[in-house]
Amino acid sequence: MITELENLIVGRLKRGLGTMVREVKSYGGEISGENWANAIKQVPACWVTYGGSKIAAKSTSRGLYDEKAKLVVMVATRTLRSEAAARQNGIDVREVGSNMLVWAVLRLLTAQR
């Protein structure tokens, strides 16, 4: 189920973000350890990963449980201009800021079932 949810979110973001990002995929440690040097070449990017679950009993006599899974979307941008430009967009349309990217992800995923 987790893989299916991850794949659905990745698909939705790929369709919705289009050319706004270079990469949308499941997170596989792209920014940890020595991998960050390769990941920086792929930004702006979105990575989706599983963030854990909470399971609560609804009815223990019937064996019913309620599970709430958390999936996390990480966004990454980069610009050589300034830290503010990295957040608020650059002067060129290709310089996507992290604020714009987060807003787009929220709009694409809010109220999706």
Protein backbone atom coordinates (compact mmCIF):
# COMPACT_ATOMS: atom_id res chain seq x y z
CA MET A 1 0.00 0.00 0.00
CA ILE A 2 2.84 2.41 0.81
CA THR A 3 4.48 1.86 -2.58
CA GLU A 4 1.15 2.40 -4.31
CA LEU A 5 0.55 5.68 -2.47
CA GLU A 6 4.10 6.86 -3.21
CA ASN A 7 3.66 6.05 -6.90
CA LEU A 8 0.31 7.87 -7.05
CA ILE A 9 1.79 11.00 -5.47
CA VAL A 10 4.82 10.89 -7.78
CA GLY A 11 2.52 10.53 -10.81
CA ARG A 12 0.32 13.43 -9.71
CA LEU A 13 3.33 15.69 -9.15
CA LYS A 14 4.94 14.74 -12.47
CA ARG A 15 1.75 15.61 -14.35
CA GLY A 16 1.06 18.78 -12.39
CA LEU A 17 4.55 20.27 -12.12
CA GLY A 18 5.59 19.51 -15.69
CA THR A 19 8.71 21.43 -16.68
CA MET A 20 8.79 23.34 -13.39
CA VAL A 21 11.09 20.61 -12.03
CA ARG A 22 13.74 18.36 -13.53
CA GLU A 23 12.98 15.35 -11.35
CA VAL A 24 10.07 13.90 -9.40
CA LYS A 25 10.57 10.44 -7.91
CA SER A 26 10.59 8.35 -4.77
CA TYR A 27 13.35 9.38 -2.40
CA GLY A 28 16.28 7.00 -2.38
CA GLY A 29 18.85 8.87 -0.30
CA GLU A 30 19.66 11.44 -3.00
CA ILE A 31 20.73 14.12 -0.55
CA SER A 32 22.45 11.97 2.07
CA GLY A 33 26.09 11.04 2.26
CA GLU A 34 28.08 11.42 -0.93
CA ASN A 35 25.00 11.35 -3.20
CA TRP A 36 24.21 15.06 -2.75
CA ALA A 37 26.70 16.08 -5.45
CA ASN A 38 24.71 14.17 -8.08
CA ALA A 39 21.37 15.33 -6.66
CA ILE A 40 22.33 18.99 -6.94
CA LYS A 41 22.50 18.56 -10.72
CA GLN A 42 18.84 17.50 -10.77
CA VAL A 43 17.29 20.46 -8.94
CA PRO A 44 14.68 21.83 -8.92
CA ALA A 45 13.37 18.47 -7.80
CA CYS A 46 10.72 16.75 -5.66
CA TRP A 47 11.25 13.53 -3.77
CA VAL A 48 8.47 11.53 -2.11
CA THR A 49 9.05 9.18 0.81
CA TYR A 50 7.20 7.30 3.54
CA GLY A 51 7.26 9.12 6.87
CA GLY A 52 5.61 6.58 9.19
CA SER A 53 2.17 5.41 10.30
CA LYS A 54 -0.06 5.63 13.32
CA ILE A 55 -2.39 2.73 13.98
CA ALA A 56 -5.30 3.04 16.41
CA ALA A 57 -7.83 0.41 17.39
CA LYS A 58 -11.38 1.19 16.24
CA SER A 59 -12.96 -1.95 17.62
CA THR A 60 -10.71 -4.56 19.14
CA SER A 61 -13.55 -7.06 19.41
CA ARG A 62 -14.02 -6.94 15.63
CA GLY A 63 -10.35 -6.54 14.83
CA LEU A 64 -10.87 -3.11 13.23
CA TYR A 65 -8.02 -0.64 13.15
CA ASP A 66 -7.53 2.84 11.73
CA GLU A 67 -4.20 3.52 10.04
CA LYS A 68 -2.96 6.98 9.11
CA ALA A 69 0.15 6.96 6.93
CA LYS A 70 2.35 10.01 6.51
CA LEU A 71 4.08 10.57 3.19
CA VAL A 72 6.62 13.36 2.91
CA VAL A 73 7.41 15.48 -0.15
CA MET A 74 10.83 17.13 -0.15
CA VAL A 75 11.56 19.94 -2.59
CA ALA A 76 14.98 21.24 -3.55
CA THR A 77 15.99 24.32 -5.52
CA ARG A 78 19.29 26.03 -6.18
CA THR A 79 20.45 29.37 -7.44
CA LEU A 80 23.81 31.11 -7.44
CA ARG A 81 22.20 34.55 -6.98
CA SER A 82 21.25 34.55 -3.30
CA GLU A 83 19.50 32.61 -0.58
CA ALA A 84 16.42 34.82 -0.99
CA ALA A 85 16.28 34.08 -4.73
CA ALA A 86 16.39 30.36 -3.94
CA ARG A 87 13.24 30.79 -1.86
CA GLN A 88 11.42 33.54 -3.77
CA ASN A 89 12.28 32.77 -7.43
CA GLY A 90 15.02 34.27 -9.56
CA ILE A 91 14.69 36.86 -12.30
CA ASP A 92 14.58 34.15 -14.97
CA VAL A 93 11.43 32.02 -15.35
CA ARG A 94 13.60 28.89 -15.11
CA GLU A 95 14.74 29.83 -11.60
CA VAL A 96 11.99 28.24 -9.55
CA GLY A 97 12.04 29.20 -5.87
CA SER A 98 11.33 26.74 -3.10
CA ASN A 99 8.32 28.78 -1.90
CA MET A 100 6.67 28.52 -5.32
CA LEU A 101 7.47 24.83 -5.54
CA VAL A 102 6.04 24.07 -2.09
CA TRP A 103 2.88 26.05 -2.94
CA ALA A 104 2.47 24.12 -6.21
CA VAL A 105 2.90 20.77 -4.41
CA LEU A 106 0.32 21.78 -1.79
CA ARG A 107 -2.17 22.83 -4.49
CA LEU A 108 -1.67 19.57 -6.41
CA LEU A 109 -2.06 17.28 -3.40
CA THR A 110 -4.65 19.04 -1.22
CA ALA A 111 -7.99 17.18 -1.09
CA GLN A 112 -6.74 14.33 -3.28
CA ARG A 113 -8.11 10.87 -2.48
